[in-house]
C-alpha atoms as a PDB file:
ATOM      1  CA  MET A   1     100.828 118.727-113.926  1.00  0.00           C
ATOM      2  CA  ASP A   2      98.647 115.871-115.153  1.00  0.00           C
ATOM      3  CA  SER A   3     100.897 113.386-116.994  1.00  0.00           C
ATOM      4  CA  ARG A   4      98.371 113.271-119.831  1.00  0.00           C
ATOM      5  CA  ILE A   5      99.213 116.868-120.714  1.00  0.00           C
ATOM      6  CA  THR A   6     102.756 115.844-121.667  1.00  0.00           C
ATOM      7  CA  ARG A   7     101.534 112.808-123.617  1.00  0.00           C
ATOM      8  CA  ILE A   8      98.956 114.809-125.528  1.00  0.00           C
ATOM      9  CA  ARG A   9     101.477 117.505-126.418  1.00  0.00           C
ATOM     10  CA  SER A  10     103.837 114.868-127.833  1.00  0.00           C
ATOM     11  CA  LYS A  11     101.121 112.984-129.725  1.00  0.00           C
ATOM     12  CA  LEU A  12      99.689 116.146-131.240  1.00  0.00           C
ATOM     13  CA  ALA A  13     103.124 117.194-132.508  1.00  0.00           C
ATOM     14  CA  LYS A  14     103.590 113.817-134.222  1.00  0.00           C
ATOM     15  CA  ILE A  15     100.121 113.290-135.693  1.00  0.00           C
ATOM     16  CA  PRO A  16     100.567 115.332-138.925  1.00  0.00           C
ATOM     17  CA  TYR A  17     103.447 113.022-139.874  1.00  0.00           C
ATOM     18  CA  GLN A  18     101.626 109.734-139.248  1.00  0.00           C
ATOM     19  CA  ALA A  19     101.357 108.255-142.740  1.00  0.00           C
ATOM     20  CA  ARG A  20      98.510 105.872-141.923  1.00  0.00           C
ATOM     21  CA  ARG A  21      96.464 108.161-139.732  1.00  0.00           C
ATOM     22  CA  SER A  22      92.734 108.566-140.132  1.00  0.00           C
ATOM     23  CA  HIS A  23      91.283 111.610-141.820  1.00  0.00           C
ATOM     24  CA  SER A  24      90.048 114.037-139.169  1.00  0.00           C
ATOM     25  CA  MET A  25      87.156 116.087-140.429  1.00  0.00           C
ATOM     26  CA  ALA A  26      88.061 119.725-141.172  1.00  0.00           C
ATOM     27  CA  SER A  27      91.646 119.334-139.930  1.00  0.00           C
ATOM     28  CA  GLU A  28      92.690 121.641-142.756  1.00  0.00           C
ATOM     29  CA  ARG A  29      91.147 124.449-140.731  1.00  0.00           C
ATOM     30  CA  HIS A  30      93.337 124.069-137.635  1.00  0.00           C
ATOM     31  CA  GLN A  31      96.215 122.042-139.173  1.00  0.00           C
ATOM     32  CA  PHE A  32      96.727 120.356-135.794  1.00  0.00           C
ATOM     33  CA  ARG A  33      97.886 123.583-134.201  1.00  0.00           C
ATOM     34  CA  LEU A  34      96.670 124.972-130.906  1.00  0.00           C
ATOM     35  CA  GLY A  35      96.114 128.621-130.141  1.00  0.00           C
ATOM     36  CA  PRO A  36      97.659 130.425-127.163  1.00  0.00           C
ATOM     37  CA  CYS A  37      96.875 129.105-123.714  1.00  0.00           C
ATOM     38  CA  VAL A  38      94.193 130.707-121.583  1.00  0.00           C
ATOM     39  CA  SER A  39      95.661 132.340-118.494  1.00  0.00           C
ATOM     40  CA  ALA A  40      94.444 131.290-115.069  1.00  0.00           C
ATOM     41  CA  SER A  41      93.040 134.778-114.523  1.00  0.00           C
ATOM     42  CA  GLU A  42      91.113 134.620-117.819  1.00  0.00           C
ATOM     43  CA  ALA A  43      89.634 131.276-116.807  1.00  0.00           C
ATOM     44  CA  ASP A  44      88.722 132.732-113.411  1.00  0.00           C
ATOM     45  CA  VAL A  45      86.948 135.674-115.049  1.00  0.00           C
ATOM     46  CA  PHE A  46      84.994 133.373-117.370  1.00  0.00           C
ATOM     47  CA  GLU A  47      83.904 131.227-114.435  1.00  0.00           C
ATOM     48  CA  ALA A  48      82.833 134.256-112.419  1.00  0.00           C
ATOM     49  CA  GLU A  49      80.900 135.813-115.300  1.00  0.00           C
ATOM     50  CA  HIS A  50      79.024 132.589-116.024  1.00  0.00           C
ATOM     51  CA  ARG A  51      78.763 131.438-112.399  1.00  0.00           C
ATOM     52  CA  ILE A  52      80.235 128.040-113.173  1.00  0.00           C
ATOM     53  CA  VAL A  53      83.368 126.032-112.456  1.00  0.00           C
ATOM     54  CA  LEU A  54      85.102 124.687-115.548  1.00  0.00           C
ATOM     55  CA  PRO A  55      85.747 120.928-115.390  1.00  0.00           C
ATOM     56  CA  ALA A  56      89.289 120.429-114.095  1.00  0.00           C
ATOM     57  CA  ALA A  57      90.635 118.433-117.059  1.00  0.00           C
ATOM     58  CA  TYR A  58      89.191 120.881-119.586  1.00  0.00           C
ATOM     59  CA  ARG A  59      90.576 123.865-117.687  1.00  0.00           C
ATOM     60  CA  ALA A  60      93.993 122.172-117.478  1.00  0.00           C
ATOM     61  CA  PHE A  61      93.985 121.710-121.255  1.00  0.00           C
ATOM     62  CA  LEU A  62      93.154 125.372-121.854  1.00  0.00           C
ATOM     63  CA  THR A  63      95.736 126.729-119.434  1.00  0.00           C
ATOM     64  CA  GLU A  64      98.578 124.281-120.135  1.00  0.00           C
ATOM     65  CA  LEU A  65      98.170 123.159-123.764  1.00  0.00           C
ATOM     66  CA  GLY A  66      96.127 125.622-125.796  1.00  0.00           C
ATOM     67  CA  GLY A  67      92.977 127.693-125.738  1.00  0.00           C
ATOM     68  CA  SER A  68      91.685 127.015-129.260  1.00  0.00           C
ATOM     69  CA  GLY A  69      92.492 125.198-132.489  1.00  0.00           C
ATOM     70  CA  ALA A  70      93.338 121.516-132.963  1.00  0.00           C
ATOM     71  CA  GLY A  71      90.571 119.145-131.981  1.00  0.00           C
ATOM     72  CA  PRO A  72      87.854 116.900-133.384  1.00  0.00           C
ATOM     73  CA  PHE A  73      85.576 118.324-136.079  1.00  0.00           C
ATOM     74  CA  TYR A  74      86.293 122.033-136.681  1.00  0.00           C
ATOM     75  CA  GLY A  75      88.394 122.345-133.542  1.00  0.00           C
ATOM     76  CA  LEU A  76      88.281 123.950-130.124  1.00  0.00           C
ATOM     77  CA  LEU A  77      86.333 127.151-129.734  1.00  0.00           C
ATOM     78  CA  PRO A  78      88.119 130.020-127.977  1.00  0.00           C
ATOM     79  CA  LEU A  79      86.829 130.235-124.420  1.00  0.00           C
ATOM     80  CA  ASP A  80      85.212 133.626-124.989  1.00  0.00           C
ATOM     81  CA  GLU A  81      83.106 132.072-127.783  1.00  0.00           C
ATOM     82  CA  CYS A  82      81.881 129.151-125.676  1.00  0.00           C
ATOM     83  CA  ARG A  83      78.216 129.357-124.691  1.00  0.00           C
ATOM     84  CA  LEU A  84      76.114 127.551-122.115  1.00  0.00           C
ATOM     85  CA  PHE A  85      73.244 125.263-123.107  1.00  0.00           C
ATOM     86  CA  THR A  86      70.655 123.187-121.312  1.00  0.00           C
ATOM     87  CA  MET A  87      69.268 119.874-122.551  1.00  0.00           C
ATOM     88  CA  ASN A  88      65.597 119.972-123.490  1.00  0.00           C
ATOM     89  CA  ARG A  89      62.989 117.699-121.978  1.00  0.00           C
ATOM     90  CA  LYS A  90      62.351 114.481-123.861  1.00  0.00           C
ATOM     91  CA  PRO A  91      59.535 115.174-126.350  1.00  0.00           C
ATOM     92  CA  ALA A  92      56.243 113.379-125.801  1.00  0.00           C
ATOM     93  CA  ASP A  93      56.522 111.728-129.213  1.00  0.00           C
ATOM     94  CA  GLY A  94      59.797 110.051-128.223  1.00  0.00           C
ATOM     95  CA  SER A  95      61.963 112.020-130.649  1.00  0.00           C
ATOM     96  CA  PRO A  96      65.524 112.913-129.564  1.00  0.00           C
ATOM     97  CA  ARG A  97      66.255 115.698-127.128  1.00  0.00           C
ATOM     98  CA  GLY A  98      67.706 118.941-128.376  1.00  0.00           C
ATOM     99  CA  PHE A  99      69.565 121.730-126.587  1.00  0.00           C
ATOM    100  CA  THR A 100      68.662 125.352-125.885  1.00  0.00           C
ATOM    101  CA  HIS A 101      70.998 128.293-125.362  1.00  0.00           C
ATOM    102  CA  GLY A 102      71.166 129.080-121.659  1.00  0.00           C
ATOM    103  CA  ASP A 103      70.105 132.704-122.165  1.00  0.00           C
ATOM    104  CA  HIS A 104      66.985 131.763-124.117  1.00  0.00           C
ATOM    105  CA  SER A 105      63.631 132.204-122.409  1.00  0.00           C
ATOM    106  CA  ASP A 106      62.777 128.555-123.146  1.00  0.00           C
ATOM    107  CA  ALA A 107      65.914 127.187-121.473  1.00  0.00           C
ATOM    108  CA  LEU A 108      65.245 124.799-118.608  1.00  0.00           C
ATOM    109  CA  GLN A 109      66.599 125.539-115.151  1.00  0.00           C
ATOM    110  CA  GLY A 110      68.635 122.363-115.178  1.00  0.00           C
ATOM    111  CA  ASP A 111      72.104 120.985-115.761  1.00  0.00           C
ATOM    112  CA  LEU A 112      74.420 123.148-117.832  1.00  0.00           C
ATOM    113  CA  PHE A 113      76.589 122.182-120.794  1.00  0.00           C
ATOM    114  CA  LEU A 114      79.309 124.332-122.354  1.00  0.00           C
ATOM    115  CA  HIS A 115      79.681 124.397-126.143  1.00  0.00           C
ATOM    116  CA  ILE A 116      83.424 123.764-126.659  1.00  0.00           C
ATOM    117  CA  ILE A 117      83.916 122.293-130.161  1.00  0.00           C
ATOM    118  CA  GLU A 118      82.594 123.606-133.463  1.00  0.00           C
ATOM    119  CA  MET A 119      80.775 120.845-135.369  1.00  0.00           C
ATOM    120  CA  GLY A 120      78.889 122.911-137.927  1.00  0.00           C
ATOM    121  CA  CYS A 121      75.201 123.664-138.540  1.00  0.00           C
ATOM    122  CA  SER A 122      73.135 122.946-135.420  1.00  0.00           C
ATOM    123  CA  ASP A 123      75.338 120.065-134.221  1.00  0.00           C
ATOM    124  CA  LEU A 124      76.936 120.597-130.824  1.00  0.00           C
ATOM    125  CA  CYS A 125      79.922 119.214-128.949  1.00  0.00           C
ATOM    126  CA  LEU A 126      79.613 120.173-125.307  1.00  0.00           C
ATOM    127  CA  ILE A 127      81.072 119.423-121.914  1.00  0.00           C
ATOM    128  CA  GLY A 128      78.905 119.029-118.847  1.00  0.00           C
ATOM    129  CA  VAL A 129      79.600 121.661-116.196  1.00  0.00           C
ATOM    130  CA  THR A 130      76.890 120.819-113.648  1.00  0.00           C
ATOM    131  CA  GLY A 131      74.955 117.694-112.733  1.00  0.00           C
ATOM    132  CA  PRO A 132      75.825 114.009-113.175  1.00  0.00           C
ATOM    133  CA  LEU A 133      77.494 114.593-116.564  1.00  0.00           C
ATOM    134  CA  ALA A 134      79.882 117.275-115.295  1.00  0.00           C
ATOM    135  CA  GLY A 135      83.249 116.818-116.991  1.00  0.00           C
ATOM    136  CA  ARG A 136      81.914 114.439-119.653  1.00  0.00           C
ATOM    137  CA  VAL A 137      81.851 115.291-123.357  1.00  0.00           C
ATOM    138  CA  VAL A 138      78.401 115.163-124.948  1.00  0.00           C
ATOM    139  CA  THR A 139      77.518 115.510-128.626  1.00  0.00           C
ATOM    140  CA  GLY A 140      74.048 116.277-129.899  1.00  0.00           C
ATOM    141  CA  ASN A 141      71.946 118.470-132.113  1.00  0.00           C
ATOM    142  CA  ALA A 142      70.315 121.684-130.955  1.00  0.00           C
ATOM    143  CA  ASP A 143      67.131 120.847-132.869  1.00  0.00           C
ATOM    144  CA  GLY A 144      67.011 117.207-131.821  1.00  0.00           C
ATOM    145  CA  PHE A 145      67.719 115.790-135.279  1.00  0.00           C
ATOM    146  CA  TRP A 146      69.694 112.975-133.624  1.00  0.00           C
ATOM    147  CA  PRO A 147      69.964 111.829-130.003  1.00  0.00           C
ATOM    148  CA  PRO A 148      72.621 113.095-127.589  1.00  0.00           C
ATOM    149  CA  ASN A 149      75.636 110.846-127.140  1.00  0.00           C
ATOM    150  CA  VAL A 150      77.687 110.808-123.931  1.00  0.00           C
ATOM    151  CA  SER A 151      81.305 109.800-124.471  1.00  0.00           C
ATOM    152  CA  SER A 152      82.581 106.919-122.364  1.00  0.00           C
ATOM    153  CA  ALA A 153      85.752 108.955-121.710  1.00  0.00           C
ATOM    154  CA  GLN A 154      85.667 110.098-118.104  1.00  0.00           C
ATOM    155  CA  ASP A 155      86.985 113.604-118.736  1.00  0.00           C
ATOM    156  CA  PHE A 156      88.133 115.985-121.453  1.00  0.00           C
ATOM    157  CA  LEU A 157      91.795 114.942-121.466  1.00  0.00           C
ATOM    158  CA  SER A 158      90.876 111.276-121.924  1.00  0.00           C
ATOM    159  CA  TRP A 159      88.451 112.188-124.699  1.00  0.00           C
ATOM    160  CA  TYR A 160      91.017 114.339-126.508  1.00  0.00           C
ATOM    161  CA  GLU A 161      93.743 111.708-126.184  1.00  0.00           C
ATOM    162  CA  ARG A 162      91.340 109.098-127.573  1.00  0.00           C
ATOM    163  CA  TRP A 163      90.896 111.300-130.651  1.00  0.00           C
ATOM    164  CA  LEU A 164      94.663 111.382-131.155  1.00  0.00           C
ATOM    165  CA  ASP A 165      95.109 107.647-130.516  1.00  0.00           C
ATOM    166  CA  HIS A 166      92.304 106.559-132.830  1.00  0.00           C
ATOM    167  CA  MET A 167      93.538 108.909-135.534  1.00  0.00           C
ATOM    168  CA  ARG A 168      97.114 107.616-135.215  1.00  0.00           C
ATOM    169  CA  ASP A 169      95.887 104.015-135.423  1.00  0.00           C
ATOM    170  CA  GLY A 170      93.826 104.659-138.557  1.00  0.00           C
ATOM    171  CA  LYS A 171      90.471 103.898-136.948  1.00  0.00           C
ATOM    172  CA  ASP A 172      86.977 104.899-137.960  1.00  0.00           C
ATOM    173  CA  ASN A 173      85.212 106.831-135.228  1.00  0.00           C
ATOM    174  CA  ARG A 174      82.301 108.915-136.429  1.00  0.00           C
ATOM    175  CA  ALA A 175      81.738 110.253-132.909  1.00  0.00           C
ATOM    176  CA  LEU A 176      85.178 111.896-133.210  1.00  0.00           C
ATOM    177  CA  GLY A 177      84.918 112.832-136.882  1.00  0.00           C
ATOM    178  CA  LEU A 178      87.498 110.238-137.974  1.00  0.00           C
ATOM    179  CA  THR A 179      87.530 108.252-141.224  1.00  0.00           C
ATOM    180  CA  SER A 180      89.992 105.393-141.787  1.00  0.00           C
ATOM    181  CA  PRO A 181      92.554 105.509-144.637  1.00  0.00           C
ATOM    182  CA  ILE A 182      90.841 102.584-146.394  1.00  0.00           C
ATOM    183  CA  ILE A 183      87.534 104.416-146.581  1.00  0.00           C
ATOM    184  CA  VAL A 184      89.212 107.702-147.482  1.00  0.00           C
ATOM    185  CA  ALA A 185      90.996 106.035-150.411  1.00  0.00           C
ATOM    186  CA  THR A 186      87.723 105.009-152.049  1.00  0.00           C
ATOM    187  CA  ALA A 187      85.454 107.836-150.902  1.00  0.00           C
ATOM    188  CA  SER A 188      83.867 110.218-153.395  1.00  0.00           C
ATOM    189  CA  TRP A 189      85.722 113.068-151.672  1.00  0.00           C
ATOM    190  CA  GLY A 190      89.038 111.165-151.352  1.00  0.00           C
ATOM    191  CA  PRO A 191      92.242 111.134-153.436  1.00  0.00           C
ATOM    192  CA  ARG A 192      90.800 108.872-156.137  1.00  0.00           C
ATOM    193  CA  ALA A 193      88.109 111.450-156.852  1.00  0.00           C
ATOM    194  CA  THR A 194      90.663 114.261-156.740  1.00  0.00           C
ATOM    195  CA  ALA A 195      92.833 112.461-159.289  1.00  0.00           C
ATOM    196  CA  SER A 196      89.954 111.821-161.685  1.00  0.00           C
ATOM    197  CA  PRO A 197      89.594 114.395-164.482  1.00  0.00           C
ATOM    198  CA  ARG A 198      85.871 113.655-164.568  1.00  0.00           C
ATOM    199  CA  CYS A 199      85.364 114.747-160.979  1.00  0.00           C
ATOM    200  CA  ARG A 200      84.215 118.341-160.889  1.00  0.00           C
ATOM    201  CA  ASN A 201      83.591 118.549-157.159  1.00  0.00           C
ATOM    202  CA  PRO A 202      86.079 116.237-155.430  1.00  0.00           C
ATOM    203  CA  VAL A 203      85.819 117.548-151.885  1.00  0.00           C
ATOM    204  CA  HIS A 204      83.019 116.140-149.760  1.00  0.00           C
ATOM    205  CA  ARG A 205      82.959 115.951-145.996  1.00  0.00           C
ATOM    206  CA  PRO A 206      82.173 112.696-144.206  1.00  0.00           C
ATOM    207  CA  SER A 207      79.020 112.458-142.138  1.00  0.00           C
ATOM    208  CA  ARG A 208      79.213 114.094-138.718  1.00  0.00           C
ATOM    209  CA  THR A 209      76.521 111.957-137.139  1.00  0.00           C
ATOM    210  CA  PRO A 210      78.023 109.975-134.206  1.00  0.00           C
END
């Protein structure tokens, strides 16, 4: 077993009790809980049906830690809800690249990315499954509203552990949906707004743009 699996399990169990942790967008949905693990046979079936090989670190997470739930943004998608995308060609006008569902007639016959994290609207959090970005986490927007961003983390386990570490340390990291306690305290959607009797709509989500 990868030693990071044990570390991540321990850090995830402790994070709800970290008093100075960052606010993780939409954590109220998953409450830092993971769903049941994916069995090796289920992962094998998914790979066979989609004619891909899941990145090793991502597959290890699913089979040894949990198959859905706790994660950046709205959390990990169950494997059977994950869909393949391709990155569009760079538009002639220089605007950012978008992504197209792999089954769409306009999809390029190029490198594949698996949608693994729910970000909301047309934003996407994907992991490369073929090509030079295989194993790397990539965020972007299906319609090209903002440019794709490739995480510097070398694989999924490193990326996920970074989310936990930055949250524990109270850091801002928009690429991971994290907002520091200092900003939360004064934000229009933070506790000050909630405590104010004049605030009629105290809950606002922070920007998701990396």
